[in-house]
Amino acid sequence: MIVIVLGAVVLLTGFLLGIPLLVTAGIVVLIIGAVLMFMGSNGRSMRGWRSYSPRPRRRRSRARRSW
């Protein structure tokens, strides 16, 4: 969501100041934000977490060896 807002701000700033580079950067950031949002909302649910969202790492338990 933050990426989309940032892209919109850069895009509007580029339009208002007449700087084509800012307009292009705003469009690119908006597209990246939309793709990230789409991937996060449509990720496969695995163990209660979305596959594209960060999930806490679990410690590996040491295997007990019985000799």
Protein backbone atom coordinates (compact mmCIF):
# COMPACT_ATOMS: atom_id res chain seq x y z
CA MET A 1 0.00 0.00 0.00
CA ILE A 2 2.87 2.35 0.84
CA VAL A 3 4.45 1.70 -2.57
CA ILE A 4 1.23 2.66 -4.34
CA VAL A 5 0.90 5.89 -2.37
CA LEU A 6 4.55 6.73 -3.02
CA GLY A 7 4.06 6.07 -6.74
CA ALA A 8 0.99 8.30 -6.83
CA VAL A 9 2.85 11.12 -5.09
CA VAL A 10 5.79 10.87 -7.49
CA LEU A 11 3.44 10.72 -10.47
CA LEU A 12 1.46 13.80 -9.37
CA THR A 13 4.66 15.68 -8.57
CA GLY A 14 5.97 14.88 -12.03
CA PHE A 15 2.77 16.11 -13.66
CA LEU A 16 2.65 19.32 -11.62
CA LEU A 17 6.32 20.18 -12.15
CA GLY A 18 6.37 19.00 -15.76
CA ILE A 19 9.26 16.57 -15.25
CA PRO A 20 8.83 13.53 -17.51
CA LEU A 21 11.35 11.47 -15.56
CA LEU A 22 9.23 11.75 -12.40
CA VAL A 23 6.10 10.81 -14.35
CA THR A 24 7.84 7.70 -15.68
CA ALA A 25 9.20 6.79 -12.25
CA GLY A 26 5.73 7.26 -10.74
CA ILE A 27 4.15 4.95 -13.29
CA VAL A 28 6.81 2.29 -12.70
CA VAL A 29 6.43 2.48 -8.92
CA LEU A 30 2.63 2.28 -9.24
CA ILE A 31 2.89 -0.83 -11.41
CA ILE A 32 5.34 -2.47 -9.00
CA GLY A 33 3.03 -1.68 -6.07
CA ALA A 34 0.01 -3.10 -7.89
CA VAL A 35 1.87 -6.30 -8.76
CA LEU A 36 3.08 -6.74 -5.17
CA MET A 37 -0.41 -6.14 -3.82
CA PHE A 38 -1.90 -8.60 -6.32
CA MET A 39 0.67 -11.26 -5.46
CA GLY A 40 0.12 -10.79 -1.74
CA SER A 41 -3.64 -11.07 -2.00
CA ASN A 42 -3.61 -14.11 -4.28
CA GLY A 43 -0.79 -16.09 -2.72
CA ARG A 44 -1.49 -19.68 -1.74
CA SER A 45 -2.22 -20.09 1.92
CA MET A 46 0.35 -22.32 3.59
CA ARG A 47 0.04 -23.03 7.33
CA GLY A 48 -2.06 -19.92 7.77
CA TRP A 49 0.43 -17.67 5.94
CA ARG A 50 0.36 -16.34 2.41
CA SER A 51 3.15 -17.78 0.30
CA TYR A 52 4.34 -14.35 -0.85
CA SER A 53 4.34 -12.71 2.58
CA PRO A 54 7.21 -13.13 5.00
CA ARG A 55 6.61 -15.68 7.70
CA PRO A 56 8.57 -16.32 10.86
CA ARG A 57 11.40 -18.78 10.58
CA ARG A 58 11.18 -21.88 12.70
CA ARG A 59 14.16 -23.27 14.51
CA ARG A 60 15.25 -26.67 13.40
CA SER A 61 15.00 -29.14 16.18
CA ARG A 62 17.98 -31.40 16.63
CA ALA A 63 17.26 -35.01 15.91
CA ARG A 64 17.58 -37.15 18.99
CA ARG A 65 19.78 -40.13 18.45
CA SER A 66 19.12 -43.17 20.52
CA TRP A 67 22.08 -45.51 20.36
